[in-house]
Amino acid sequence: MRVWVARARARQVERQGVLNSALSPSDLERHAAPDRETGDLLQFAAAKLNLSARAYGRILRVARTIADLAAADVVTMHHVSEALLFRQLNSEGLDTLPGVIPYAAAGRSHSAPGVH
């Protein structure tokens, strides 16, 4: 696990010079820019869950970190779905997820390589 995290941190520093946690909002949008489908999911979740701009940024930051842990160059819908899941588990429980996760085709695996 330590090696996995160290590699993710190294990817972040190599790509942007700082860890994801230190990215400004504009740098976050540049380095974690979602594709159209993923952006649509984020907008849907923001409306459905009444997310603030700050919460939206946190979800995108977590999704970028999940992508780094999976050694992915781009943030995909799967990374965003997992970040949304973590947010809901952390703040409200599972009661609000049914309206968001089906939109994201949540039936697919979100685990990093080698982790099942």
PDB file of N, CA and C in Angstrom:
ATOM      1  N   MET A   1       0.830  -1.187   0.000  1.00  0.00           N
ATOM      2  CA  MET A   1       0.000   0.000   0.000  1.00  0.00           C
ATOM      3  C   MET A   1       0.878   1.256   0.000  1.00  0.00           C
ATOM      4  N   ARG A   2       1.941   1.221   0.765  1.00  0.00           N
ATOM      5  CA  ARG A   2       2.836   2.377   0.846  1.00  0.00           C
ATOM      6  C   ARG A   2       3.429   2.718  -0.528  1.00  0.00           C
ATOM      7  N   VAL A   3       3.808   1.690  -1.276  1.00  0.00           N
ATOM      8  CA  VAL A   3       4.380   1.887  -2.612  1.00  0.00           C
ATOM      9  C   VAL A   3       3.331   2.470  -3.555  1.00  0.00           C
ATOM     10  N   TRP A   4       2.136   1.970  -3.462  1.00  0.00           N
ATOM     11  CA  TRP A   4       1.025   2.440  -4.284  1.00  0.00           C
ATOM     12  C   TRP A   4       0.788   3.937  -4.065  1.00  0.00           C
ATOM     13  N   VAL A   5       0.753   4.352  -2.809  1.00  0.00           N
ATOM     14  CA  VAL A   5       0.546   5.767  -2.478  1.00  0.00           C
ATOM     15  C   VAL A   5       1.753   6.607  -2.909  1.00  0.00           C
ATOM     16  N   ALA A   6       2.942   6.097  -2.691  1.00  0.00           N
ATOM     17  CA  ALA A   6       4.151   6.831  -3.094  1.00  0.00           C
ATOM     18  C   ALA A   6       4.165   7.068  -4.605  1.00  0.00           C
ATOM     19  N   ARG A   7       3.754   6.084  -5.372  1.00  0.00           N
ATOM     20  CA  ARG A   7       3.701   6.248  -6.834  1.00  0.00           C
ATOM     21  C   ARG A   7       2.667   7.295  -7.229  1.00  0.00           C
ATOM     22  N   ALA A   8       1.530   7.282  -6.565  1.00  0.00           N
ATOM     23  CA  ALA A   8       0.488   8.268  -6.870  1.00  0.00           C
ATOM     24  C   ALA A   8       0.981   9.680  -6.554  1.00  0.00           C
ATOM     25  N   ARG A   9       1.635   9.840  -5.425  1.00  0.00           N
ATOM     26  CA  ARG A   9       2.173  11.162  -5.053  1.00  0.00           C
ATOM     27  C   ARG A   9       3.239  11.615  -6.044  1.00  0.00           C
ATOM     28  N   ALA A  10       4.089  10.694  -6.470  1.00  0.00           N
ATOM     29  CA  ALA A  10       5.133  11.031  -7.445  1.00  0.00           C
ATOM     30  C   ALA A  10       4.510  11.453  -8.777  1.00  0.00           C
ATOM     31  N   ARG A  11       3.434  10.782  -9.199  1.00  0.00           N
ATOM     32  CA  ARG A  11       2.733  11.160 -10.435  1.00  0.00           C
ATOM     33  C   ARG A  11       2.212  12.597 -10.335  1.00  0.00           C
ATOM     34  N   GLN A  12       1.667  12.933  -9.172  1.00  0.00           N
ATOM     35  CA  GLN A  12       1.119  14.273  -8.984  1.00  0.00           C
ATOM     36  C   GLN A  12       2.208  15.333  -9.093  1.00  0.00           C
ATOM     37  N   VAL A  13       3.296  15.116  -8.398  1.00  0.00           N
ATOM     38  CA  VAL A  13       4.383  16.098  -8.405  1.00  0.00           C
ATOM     39  C   VAL A  13       5.003  16.200  -9.793  1.00  0.00           C
ATOM     40  N   GLU A  14       5.154  15.068 -10.474  1.00  0.00           N
ATOM     41  CA  GLU A  14       5.723  15.087 -11.822  1.00  0.00           C
ATOM     42  C   GLU A  14       4.816  15.841 -12.797  1.00  0.00           C
ATOM     43  N   ARG A  15       3.515  15.637 -12.685  1.00  0.00           N
ATOM     44  CA  ARG A  15       2.559  16.247 -13.608  1.00  0.00           C
ATOM     45  C   ARG A  15       2.384  17.745 -13.365  1.00  0.00           C
ATOM     46  N   GLN A  16       2.293  18.147 -12.089  1.00  0.00           N
ATOM     47  CA  GLN A  16       1.882  19.521 -11.814  1.00  0.00           C
ATOM     48  C   GLN A  16       2.769  20.268 -10.827  1.00  0.00           C
ATOM     49  N   GLY A  17       3.806  19.604 -10.315  1.00  0.00           N
ATOM     50  CA  GLY A  17       4.740  20.269  -9.417  1.00  0.00           C
ATOM     51  C   GLY A  17       4.344  20.283  -7.955  1.00  0.00           C
ATOM     52  N   VAL A  18       3.092  19.939  -7.653  1.00  0.00           N
ATOM     53  CA  VAL A  18       2.592  19.891  -6.278  1.00  0.00           C
ATOM     54  C   VAL A  18       1.614  18.726  -6.161  1.00  0.00           C
ATOM     55  N   LEU A  19       1.274  18.383  -4.920  1.00  0.00           N
ATOM     56  CA  LEU A  19       0.253  17.363  -4.699  1.00  0.00           C
ATOM     57  C   LEU A  19      -1.125  17.908  -5.072  1.00  0.00           C
ATOM     58  N   ASN A  20      -2.053  17.010  -5.339  1.00  0.00           N
ATOM     59  CA  ASN A  20      -3.414  17.432  -5.695  1.00  0.00           C
ATOM     60  C   ASN A  20      -4.026  18.333  -4.627  1.00  0.00           C
ATOM     61  N   SER A  21      -3.692  18.082  -3.381  1.00  0.00           N
ATOM     62  CA  SER A  21      -4.261  18.878  -2.291  1.00  0.00           C
ATOM     63  C   SER A  21      -3.839  20.341  -2.343  1.00  0.00           C
ATOM     64  N   ALA A  22      -2.751  20.648  -3.037  1.00  0.00           N
ATOM     65  CA  ALA A  22      -2.243  22.025  -3.104  1.00  0.00           C
ATOM     66  C   ALA A  22      -2.628  22.747  -4.387  1.00  0.00           C
ATOM     67  N   LEU A  23      -3.400  22.105  -5.254  1.00  0.00           N
ATOM     68  CA  LEU A  23      -3.787  22.735  -6.516  1.00  0.00           C
ATOM     69  C   LEU A  23      -4.798  23.857  -6.299  1.00  0.00           C
ATOM     70  N   SER A  24      -4.604  24.942  -7.008  1.00  0.00           N
ATOM     71  CA  SER A  24      -5.602  26.015  -7.016  1.00  0.00           C
ATOM     72  C   SER A  24      -6.808  25.526  -7.814  1.00  0.00           C
ATOM     73  N   PRO A  25      -7.953  26.166  -7.666  1.00  0.00           N
ATOM     74  CA  PRO A  25      -9.119  25.737  -8.450  1.00  0.00           C
ATOM     75  C   PRO A  25      -8.868  25.728  -9.965  1.00  0.00           C
ATOM     76  N   SER A  26      -8.178  26.731 -10.473  1.00  0.00           N
ATOM     77  CA  SER A  26      -7.920  26.752 -11.923  1.00  0.00           C
ATOM     78  C   SER A  26      -6.951  25.645 -12.338  1.00  0.00           C
ATOM     79  N   ASP A  27      -5.933  25.376 -11.511  1.00  0.00           N
ATOM     80  CA  ASP A  27      -5.018  24.282 -11.814  1.00  0.00           C
ATOM     81  C   ASP A  27      -5.721  22.933 -11.706  1.00  0.00           C
ATOM     82  N   LEU A  28      -6.631  22.805 -10.752  1.00  0.00           N
ATOM     83  CA  LEU A  28      -7.389  21.572 -10.610  1.00  0.00           C
ATOM     84  C   LEU A  28      -8.213  21.316 -11.868  1.00  0.00           C
ATOM     85  N   GLU A  29      -8.884  22.330 -12.365  1.00  0.00           N
ATOM     86  CA  GLU A  29      -9.679  22.180 -13.592  1.00  0.00           C
ATOM     87  C   GLU A  29      -8.794  21.787 -14.772  1.00  0.00           C
ATOM     88  N   ARG A  30      -7.582  22.289 -14.824  1.00  0.00           N
ATOM     89  CA  ARG A  30      -6.672  21.957 -15.921  1.00  0.00           C
ATOM     90  C   ARG A  30      -6.163  20.524 -15.818  1.00  0.00           C
ATOM     91  N   HIS A  31      -5.781  20.090 -14.616  1.00  0.00           N
ATOM     92  CA  HIS A  31      -5.173  18.779 -14.440  1.00  0.00           C
ATOM     93  C   HIS A  31      -6.184  17.662 -14.216  1.00  0.00           C
ATOM     94  N   ALA A  32      -7.414  18.027 -13.911  1.00  0.00           N
ATOM     95  CA  ALA A  32      -8.451  17.018 -13.679  1.00  0.00           C
ATOM     96  C   ALA A  32      -9.659  17.281 -14.569  1.00  0.00           C
ATOM     97  N   ALA A  33      -9.426  17.933 -15.690  1.00  0.00           N
ATOM     98  CA  ALA A  33     -10.525  18.301 -16.579  1.00  0.00           C
ATOM     99  C   ALA A  33     -11.302  17.065 -17.016  1.00  0.00           C
ATOM    100  N   PRO A  34     -12.571  17.024 -16.679  1.00  0.00           N
ATOM    101  CA  PRO A  34     -13.370  15.855 -17.064  1.00  0.00           C
ATOM    102  C   PRO A  34     -13.760  15.918 -18.539  1.00  0.00           C
ATOM    103  N   ASP A  35     -13.929  14.745 -19.149  1.00  0.00           N
ATOM    104  CA  ASP A  35     -14.471  14.717 -20.502  1.00  0.00           C
ATOM    105  C   ASP A  35     -15.949  15.107 -20.425  1.00  0.00           C
ATOM    106  N   ARG A  36     -16.594  15.195 -21.562  1.00  0.00           N
ATOM    107  CA  ARG A  36     -17.968  15.695 -21.578  1.00  0.00           C
ATOM    108  C   ARG A  36     -18.916  14.829 -20.739  1.00  0.00           C
ATOM    109  N   GLU A  37     -18.834  13.521 -20.914  1.00  0.00           N
ATOM    110  CA  GLU A  37     -19.712  12.615 -20.175  1.00  0.00           C
ATOM    111  C   GLU A  37     -19.478  12.720 -18.665  1.00  0.00           C
ATOM    112  N   THR A  38     -18.217  12.794 -18.265  1.00  0.00           N
ATOM    113  CA  THR A  38     -17.879  12.913 -16.849  1.00  0.00           C
ATOM    114  C   THR A  38     -18.305  14.272 -16.310  1.00  0.00           C
ATOM    115  N   GLY A  39     -18.123  15.308 -17.109  1.00  0.00           N
ATOM    116  CA  GLY A  39     -18.583  16.640 -16.710  1.00  0.00           C
ATOM    117  C   GLY A  39     -20.091  16.688 -16.524  1.00  0.00           C
ATOM    118  N   ASP A  40     -20.803  15.968 -17.404  1.00  0.00           N
ATOM    119  CA  ASP A  40     -22.259  15.883 -17.259  1.00  0.00           C
ATOM    120  C   ASP A  40     -22.642  15.209 -15.935  1.00  0.00           C
ATOM    121  N   LEU A  41     -21.917  14.148 -15.587  1.00  0.00           N
ATOM    122  CA  LEU A  41     -22.173  13.470 -14.307  1.00  0.00           C
ATOM    123  C   LEU A  41     -21.939  14.425 -13.139  1.00  0.00           C
ATOM    124  N   LEU A  42     -20.843  15.163 -13.198  1.00  0.00           N
ATOM    125  CA  LEU A  42     -20.545  16.117 -12.117  1.00  0.00           C
ATOM    126  C   LEU A  42     -21.627  17.179 -11.998  1.00  0.00           C
ATOM    127  N   GLN A  43     -22.087  17.697 -13.127  1.00  0.00           N
ATOM    128  CA  GLN A  43     -23.145  18.707 -13.096  1.00  0.00           C
ATOM    129  C   GLN A  43     -24.445  18.117 -12.556  1.00  0.00           C
ATOM    130  N   PHE A  44     -24.762  16.890 -12.970  1.00  0.00           N
ATOM    131  CA  PHE A  44     -25.960  16.209 -12.483  1.00  0.00           C
ATOM    132  C   PHE A  44     -25.868  16.012 -10.972  1.00  0.00           C
ATOM    133  N   ALA A  45     -24.722  15.542 -10.501  1.00  0.00           N
ATOM    134  CA  ALA A  45     -24.537  15.317  -9.062  1.00  0.00           C
ATOM    135  C   ALA A  45     -24.604  16.627  -8.293  1.00  0.00           C
ATOM    136  N   ALA A  46     -24.001  17.677  -8.846  1.00  0.00           N
ATOM    137  CA  ALA A  46     -24.023  18.978  -8.175  1.00  0.00           C
ATOM    138  C   ALA A  46     -25.459  19.462  -7.989  1.00  0.00           C
ATOM    139  N   ALA A  47     -26.282  19.276  -9.018  1.00  0.00           N
ATOM    140  CA  ALA A  47     -27.680  19.701  -8.919  1.00  0.00           C
ATOM    141  C   ALA A  47     -28.468  18.781  -7.989  1.00  0.00           C
ATOM    142  N   LYS A  48     -28.305  17.488  -8.160  1.00  0.00           N
ATOM    143  CA  LYS A  48     -29.075  16.506  -7.393  1.00  0.00           C
ATOM    144  C   LYS A  48     -28.738  16.552  -5.898  1.00  0.00           C
ATOM    145  N   LEU A  49     -27.459  16.742  -5.599  1.00  0.00           N
ATOM    146  CA  LEU A  49     -27.000  16.741  -4.206  1.00  0.00           C
ATOM    147  C   LEU A  49     -26.848  18.148  -3.639  1.00  0.00           C
ATOM    148  N   ASN A  50     -27.199  19.160  -4.437  1.00  0.00           N
ATOM    149  CA  ASN A  50     -27.100  20.555  -4.018  1.00  0.00           C
ATOM    150  C   ASN A  50     -25.683  20.884  -3.528  1.00  0.00           C
ATOM    151  N   LEU A  51     -24.690  20.556  -4.356  1.00  0.00           N
ATOM    152  CA  LEU A  51     -23.291  20.765  -3.983  1.00  0.00           C
ATOM    153  C   LEU A  51     -22.870  22.209  -4.182  1.00  0.00           C
ATOM    154  N   SER A  52     -22.070  22.690  -3.273  1.00  0.00           N
ATOM    155  CA  SER A  52     -21.472  24.013  -3.427  1.00  0.00           C
ATOM    156  C   SER A  52     -20.291  23.906  -4.395  1.00  0.00           C
ATOM    157  N   ALA A  53     -19.778  25.047  -4.812  1.00  0.00           N
ATOM    158  CA  ALA A  53     -18.597  25.051  -5.682  1.00  0.00           C
ATOM    159  C   ALA A  53     -17.412  24.409  -4.960  1.00  0.00           C
ATOM    160  N   ARG A  54     -17.321  24.640  -3.677  1.00  0.00           N
ATOM    161  CA  ARG A  54     -16.230  24.045  -2.891  1.00  0.00           C
ATOM    162  C   ARG A  54     -16.353  22.516  -2.848  1.00  0.00           C
ATOM    163  N   ALA A  55     -17.559  22.011  -2.658  1.00  0.00           N
ATOM    164  CA  ALA A  55     -17.780  20.565  -2.636  1.00  0.00           C
ATOM    165  C   ALA A  55     -17.496  19.956  -4.004  1.00  0.00           C
ATOM    166  N   TYR A  56     -17.901  20.642  -5.062  1.00  0.00           N
ATOM    167  CA  TYR A  56     -17.614  20.200  -6.433  1.00  0.00           C
ATOM    168  C   TYR A  56     -16.096  20.062  -6.612  1.00  0.00           C
ATOM    169  N   GLY A  57     -15.347  21.064  -6.160  1.00  0.00           N
ATOM    170  CA  GLY A  57     -13.889  21.021  -6.268  1.00  0.00           C
ATOM    171  C   GLY A  57     -13.288  19.879  -5.469  1.00  0.00           C
ATOM    172  N   ARG A  58     -13.819  19.626  -4.287  1.00  0.00           N
ATOM    173  CA  ARG A  58     -13.316  18.514  -3.480  1.00  0.00           C
ATOM    174  C   ARG A  58     -13.561  17.169  -4.159  1.00  0.00           C
ATOM    175  N   ILE A  59     -14.723  17.025  -4.760  1.00  0.00           N
ATOM    176  CA  ILE A  59     -15.022  15.778  -5.465  1.00  0.00           C
ATOM    177  C   ILE A  59     -14.066  15.604  -6.643  1.00  0.00           C
ATOM    178  N   LEU A  60     -13.832  16.665  -7.385  1.00  0.00           N
ATOM    179  CA  LEU A  60     -12.909  16.590  -8.510  1.00  0.00           C
ATOM    180  C   LEU A  60     -11.485  16.291  -8.038  1.00  0.00           C
ATOM    181  N   ARG A  61     -11.081  16.877  -6.921  1.00  0.00           N
ATOM    182  CA  ARG A  61      -9.750  16.635  -6.353  1.00  0.00           C
ATOM    183  C   ARG A  61      -9.596  15.169  -5.922  1.00  0.00           C
ATOM    184  N   VAL A  62     -10.613  14.620  -5.279  1.00  0.00           N
ATOM    185  CA  VAL A  62     -10.578  13.216  -4.865  1.00  0.00           C
ATOM    186  C   VAL A  62     -10.572  12.313  -6.094  1.00  0.00           C
ATOM    187  N   ALA A  63     -11.369  12.653  -7.105  1.00  0.00           N
ATOM    188  CA  ALA A  63     -11.391  11.861  -8.341  1.00  0.00           C
ATOM    189  C   ALA A  63     -10.018  11.861  -9.010  1.00  0.00           C
ATOM    190  N   ARG A  64      -9.340  13.009  -9.022  1.00  0.00           N
ATOM    191  CA  ARG A  64      -7.995  13.089  -9.605  1.00  0.00           C
ATOM    192  C   ARG A  64      -7.036  12.193  -8.820  1.00  0.00           C
ATOM    193  N   THR A  65      -7.173  12.167  -7.503  1.00  0.00           N
ATOM    194  CA  THR A  65      -6.318  11.327  -6.665  1.00  0.00           C
ATOM    195  C   THR A  65      -6.625   9.846  -6.903  1.00  0.00           C
ATOM    196  N   ILE A  66      -7.896   9.503  -7.037  1.00  0.00           N
ATOM    197  CA  ILE A  66      -8.258   8.114  -7.344  1.00  0.00           C
ATOM    198  C   ILE A  66      -7.660   7.709  -8.683  1.00  0.00           C
ATOM    199  N   ALA A  67      -7.708   8.595  -9.661  1.00  0.00           N
ATOM    200  CA  ALA A  67      -7.104   8.310 -10.965  1.00  0.00           C
ATOM    201  C   ALA A  67      -5.596   8.114 -10.824  1.00  0.00           C
ATOM    202  N   ASP A  68      -4.953   8.924  -9.998  1.00  0.00           N
ATOM    203  CA  ASP A  68      -3.513   8.767  -9.774  1.00  0.00           C
ATOM    204  C   ASP A  68      -3.192   7.434  -9.114  1.00  0.00           C
ATOM    205  N   LEU A  69      -4.006   7.030  -8.165  1.00  0.00           N
ATOM    206  CA  LEU A  69      -3.797   5.738  -7.513  1.00  0.00           C
ATOM    207  C   LEU A  69      -3.954   4.585  -8.505  1.00  0.00           C
ATOM    208  N   ALA A  70      -4.800   4.774  -9.504  1.00  0.00           N
ATOM    209  CA  ALA A  70      -5.010   3.761 -10.540  1.00  0.00           C
ATOM    210  C   ALA A  70      -4.038   3.935 -11.710  1.00  0.00           C
ATOM    211  N   ALA A  71      -3.102   4.878 -11.599  1.00  0.00           N
ATOM    212  CA  ALA A  71      -2.124   5.176 -12.657  1.00  0.00           C
ATOM    213  C   ALA A  71      -2.811   5.582 -13.957  1.00  0.00           C
ATOM    214  N   ALA A  72      -3.930   6.284 -13.851  1.00  0.00           N
ATOM    215  CA  ALA A  72      -4.668   6.758 -15.024  1.00  0.00           C
ATOM    216  C   ALA A  72      -4.274   8.195 -15.338  1.00  0.00           C
ATOM    217  N   ASP A  73      -4.109   8.483 -16.616  1.00  0.00           N
ATOM    218  CA  ASP A  73      -3.728   9.832 -17.020  1.00  0.00           C
ATOM    219  C   ASP A  73      -4.896  10.817 -17.002  1.00  0.00           C
ATOM    220  N   VAL A  74      -6.104  10.314 -17.190  1.00  0.00           N
ATOM    221  CA  VAL A  74      -7.272  11.186 -17.211  1.00  0.00           C
ATOM    222  C   VAL A  74      -8.280  10.740 -16.154  1.00  0.00           C
ATOM    223  N   VAL A  75      -9.058  11.691 -15.693  1.00  0.00           N
ATOM    224  CA  VAL A  75     -10.125  11.413 -14.740  1.00  0.00           C
ATOM    225  C   VAL A  75     -11.339  10.949 -15.541  1.00  0.00           C
ATOM    226  N   THR A  76     -11.839   9.778 -15.196  1.00  0.00           N
ATOM    227  CA  THR A  76     -12.983   9.219 -15.912  1.00  0.00           C
ATOM    228  C   THR A  76     -14.232   9.247 -15.036  1.00  0.00           C
ATOM    229  N   MET A  77     -15.320   8.853 -15.651  1.00  0.00           N
ATOM    230  CA  MET A  77     -16.580   8.777 -14.927  1.00  0.00           C
ATOM    231  C   MET A  77     -16.465   7.825 -13.732  1.00  0.00           C
ATOM    232  N   HIS A  78     -15.695   6.788 -13.882  1.00  0.00           N
ATOM    233  CA  HIS A  78     -15.538   5.823 -12.795  1.00  0.00           C
ATOM    234  C   HIS A  78     -14.836   6.454 -11.591  1.00  0.00           C
ATOM    235  N   HIS A  79     -13.841   7.283 -11.838  1.00  0.00           N
ATOM    236  CA  HIS A  79     -13.138   7.960 -10.743  1.00  0.00           C
ATOM    237  C   HIS A  79     -14.077   8.943 -10.045  1.00  0.00           C
ATOM    238  N   VAL A  80     -14.856   9.673 -10.831  1.00  0.00           N
ATOM    239  CA  VAL A  80     -15.803  10.630 -10.256  1.00  0.00           C
ATOM    240  C   VAL A  80     -16.895   9.900  -9.471  1.00  0.00           C
ATOM    241  N   SER A  81     -17.378   8.790 -10.008  1.00  0.00           N
ATOM    242  CA  SER A  81     -18.400   8.010  -9.297  1.00  0.00           C
ATOM    243  C   SER A  81     -17.883   7.549  -7.942  1.00  0.00           C
ATOM    244  N   GLU A  82     -16.645   7.091  -7.920  1.00  0.00           N
ATOM    245  CA  GLU A  82     -16.061   6.643  -6.656  1.00  0.00           C
ATOM    246  C   GLU A  82     -15.902   7.814  -5.687  1.00  0.00           C
ATOM    247  N   ALA A  83     -15.478   8.956  -6.192  1.00  0.00           N
ATOM    248  CA  ALA A  83     -15.338  10.137  -5.338  1.00  0.00           C
ATOM    249  C   ALA A  83     -16.696  10.556  -4.769  1.00  0.00           C
ATOM    250  N   LEU A  84     -17.732  10.488  -5.592  1.00  0.00           N
ATOM    251  CA  LEU A  84     -19.081  10.802  -5.109  1.00  0.00           C
ATOM    252  C   LEU A  84     -19.515   9.816  -4.033  1.00  0.00           C
ATOM    253  N   LEU A  85     -19.192   8.567  -4.231  1.00  0.00           N
ATOM    254  CA  LEU A  85     -19.530   7.551  -3.238  1.00  0.00           C
ATOM    255  C   LEU A  85     -18.846   7.853  -1.910  1.00  0.00           C
ATOM    256  N   PHE A  86     -17.563   8.180  -1.961  1.00  0.00           N
ATOM    257  CA  PHE A  86     -16.844   8.507  -0.727  1.00  0.00           C
ATOM    258  C   PHE A  86     -17.457   9.723  -0.050  1.00  0.00           C
ATOM    259  N   ARG A  87     -17.839  10.726  -0.823  1.00  0.00           N
ATOM    260  CA  ARG A  87     -18.442  11.916  -0.230  1.00  0.00           C
ATOM    261  C   ARG A  87     -19.736  11.565   0.486  1.00  0.00           C
ATOM    262  N   GLN A  88     -20.571  10.781  -0.166  1.00  0.00           N
ATOM    263  CA  GLN A  88     -21.848  10.431   0.436  1.00  0.00           C
ATOM    264  C   GLN A  88     -21.679   9.533   1.651  1.00  0.00           C
ATOM    265  N   LEU A  89     -20.768   8.598   1.570  1.00  0.00           N
ATOM    266  CA  LEU A  89     -20.526   7.735   2.730  1.00  0.00           C
ATOM    267  C   LEU A  89     -20.005   8.546   3.904  1.00  0.00           C
ATOM    268  N   ASN A  90     -19.195   9.539   3.622  1.00  0.00           N
ATOM    269  CA  ASN A  90     -18.593  10.367   4.661  1.00  0.00           C
ATOM    270  C   ASN A  90     -19.594  11.337   5.280  1.00  0.00           C
ATOM    271  N   SER A  91     -20.509  11.876   4.476  1.00  0.00           N
ATOM    272  CA  SER A  91     -21.358  12.943   4.996  1.00  0.00           C
ATOM    273  C   SER A  91     -22.785  12.535   5.324  1.00  0.00           C
ATOM    274  N   GLU A  92     -23.399  11.706   4.489  1.00  0.00           N
ATOM    275  CA  GLU A  92     -24.819  11.471   4.682  1.00  0.00           C
ATOM    276  C   GLU A  92     -25.217  10.008   4.724  1.00  0.00           C
ATOM    277  N   GLY A  93     -24.357   9.113   4.413  1.00  0.00           N
ATOM    278  CA  GLY A  93     -24.754   7.721   4.300  1.00  0.00           C
ATOM    279  C   GLY A  93     -25.214   7.416   2.894  1.00  0.00           C
ATOM    280  N   LEU A  94     -25.821   6.279   2.715  1.00  0.00           N
ATOM    281  CA  LEU A  94     -26.199   5.826   1.381  1.00  0.00           C
ATOM    282  C   LEU A  94     -27.565   6.308   0.916  1.00  0.00           C
ATOM    283  N   ASP A  95     -28.304   7.010   1.737  1.00  0.00           N
ATOM    284  CA  ASP A  95     -29.681   7.337   1.395  1.00  0.00           C
ATOM    285  C   ASP A  95     -29.841   8.226   0.174  1.00  0.00           C
ATOM    286  N   THR A  96     -28.849   9.047  -0.193  1.00  0.00           N
ATOM    287  CA  THR A  96     -28.989   9.930  -1.348  1.00  0.00           C
ATOM    288  C   THR A  96     -28.346   9.371  -2.606  1.00  0.00           C
ATOM    289  N   LEU A  97     -27.655   8.254  -2.514  1.00  0.00           N
ATOM    290  CA  LEU A  97     -26.964   7.713  -3.675  1.00  0.00           C
ATOM    291  C   LEU A  97     -27.855   7.160  -4.776  1.00  0.00           C
ATOM    292  N   PRO A  98     -28.984   6.549  -4.507  1.00  0.00           N
ATOM    293  CA  PRO A  98     -29.748   5.945  -5.595  1.00  0.00           C
ATOM    294  C   PRO A  98     -30.075   6.898  -6.738  1.00  0.00           C
ATOM    295  N   GLY A  99     -30.237   8.172  -6.483  1.00  0.00           N
ATOM    296  CA  GLY A  99     -30.546   9.118  -7.551  1.00  0.00           C
ATOM    297  C   GLY A  99     -29.353   9.540  -8.378  1.00  0.00           C
ATOM    298  N   VAL A 100     -28.138   9.272  -7.921  1.00  0.00           N
ATOM    299  CA  VAL A 100     -26.943   9.730  -8.621  1.00  0.00           C
ATOM    300  C   VAL A 100     -26.185   8.588  -9.265  1.00  0.00           C
ATOM    301  N   ILE A 101     -25.932   7.545  -8.532  1.00  0.00           N
ATOM    302  CA  ILE A 101     -25.062   6.478  -9.007  1.00  0.00           C
ATOM    303  C   ILE A 101     -25.611   5.757 -10.238  1.00  0.00           C
ATOM    304  N   PRO A 102     -26.914   5.464 -10.370  1.00  0.00           N
ATOM    305  CA  PRO A 102     -27.363   4.803 -11.591  1.00  0.00           C
ATOM    306  C   PRO A 102     -27.020   5.603 -12.843  1.00  0.00           C
ATOM    307  N   TYR A 103     -27.036   6.912 -12.746  1.00  0.00           N
ATOM    308  CA  TYR A 103     -26.674   7.769 -13.873  1.00  0.00           C
ATOM    309  C   TYR A 103     -25.248   7.496 -14.311  1.00  0.00           C
ATOM    310  N   ALA A 104     -24.397   7.131 -13.360  1.00  0.00           N
ATOM    311  CA  ALA A 104     -22.976   6.938 -13.627  1.00  0.00           C
ATOM    312  C   ALA A 104     -22.626   5.510 -14.008  1.00  0.00           C
ATOM    313  N   ALA A 105     -23.622   4.673 -14.254  1.00  0.00           N
ATOM    314  CA  ALA A 105     -23.366   3.266 -14.586  1.00  0.00           C
ATOM    315  C   ALA A 105     -22.451   2.644 -13.548  1.00  0.00           C
ATOM    316  N   ALA A 106     -22.862   2.721 -12.289  1.00  0.00           N
ATOM    317  CA  ALA A 106     -22.021   2.349 -11.158  1.00  0.00           C
ATOM    318  C   ALA A 106     -21.739   0.867 -11.030  1.00  0.00           C
ATOM    319  N   GLY A 107     -22.263   0.039 -11.870  1.00  0.00           N
ATOM    320  CA  GLY A 107     -22.044  -1.385 -11.739  1.00  0.00           C
ATOM    321  C   GLY A 107     -20.637  -1.835 -12.049  1.00  0.00           C
ATOM    322  N   ARG A 108     -19.815  -0.974 -12.606  1.00  0.00           N
ATOM    323  CA  ARG A 108     -18.455  -1.349 -12.979  1.00  0.00           C
ATOM    324  C   ARG A 108     -17.513  -1.242 -11.801  1.00  0.00           C
ATOM    325  N   SER A 109     -16.406  -1.961 -11.881  1.00  0.00           N
ATOM    326  CA  SER A 109     -15.411  -1.978 -10.810  1.00  0.00           C
ATOM    327  C   SER A 109     -14.650  -0.662 -10.768  1.00  0.00           C
ATOM    328  N   HIS A 110     -14.365  -0.186  -9.577  1.00  0.00           N
ATOM    329  CA  HIS A 110     -13.621   1.049  -9.389  1.00  0.00           C
ATOM    330  C   HIS A 110     -12.278   0.817  -8.721  1.00  0.00           C
ATOM    331  N   SER A 111     -11.895  -0.411  -8.514  1.00  0.00           N
ATOM    332  CA  SER A 111     -10.672  -0.678  -7.759  1.00  0.00           C
ATOM    333  C   SER A 111      -9.438  -0.431  -8.604  1.00  0.00           C
ATOM    334  N   ALA A 112      -8.367  -0.119  -7.932  1.00  0.00           N
ATOM    335  CA  ALA A 112      -7.096   0.128  -8.601  1.00  0.00           C
ATOM    336  C   ALA A 112      -6.497  -1.193  -9.058  1.00  0.00           C
ATOM    337  N   PRO A 113      -5.523  -1.148  -9.951  1.00  0.00           N
ATOM    338  CA  PRO A 113      -4.904  -2.375 -10.430  1.00  0.00           C
ATOM    339  C   PRO A 113      -4.375  -3.215  -9.275  1.00  0.00           C
ATOM    340  N   GLY A 114      -4.703  -4.494  -9.295  1.00  0.00           N
ATOM    341  CA  GLY A 114      -4.201  -5.396  -8.282  1.00  0.00           C
ATOM    342  C   GLY A 114      -4.955  -5.368  -6.974  1.00  0.00           C
ATOM    343  N   VAL A 115      -5.986  -4.518  -6.856  1.00  0.00           N
ATOM    344  CA  VAL A 115      -6.751  -4.420  -5.616  1.00  0.00           C
ATOM    345  C   VAL A 115      -8.156  -4.886  -5.906  1.00  0.00           C
ATOM    346  N   HIS A 116      -8.606  -5.937  -5.222  1.00  0.00           N
ATOM    347  CA  HIS A 116      -9.958  -6.484  -5.459  1.00  0.00           C
ATOM    348  C   HIS A 116     -10.687  -6.645  -4.163  1.00  0.00           C
TER     349      HIS A 116
END
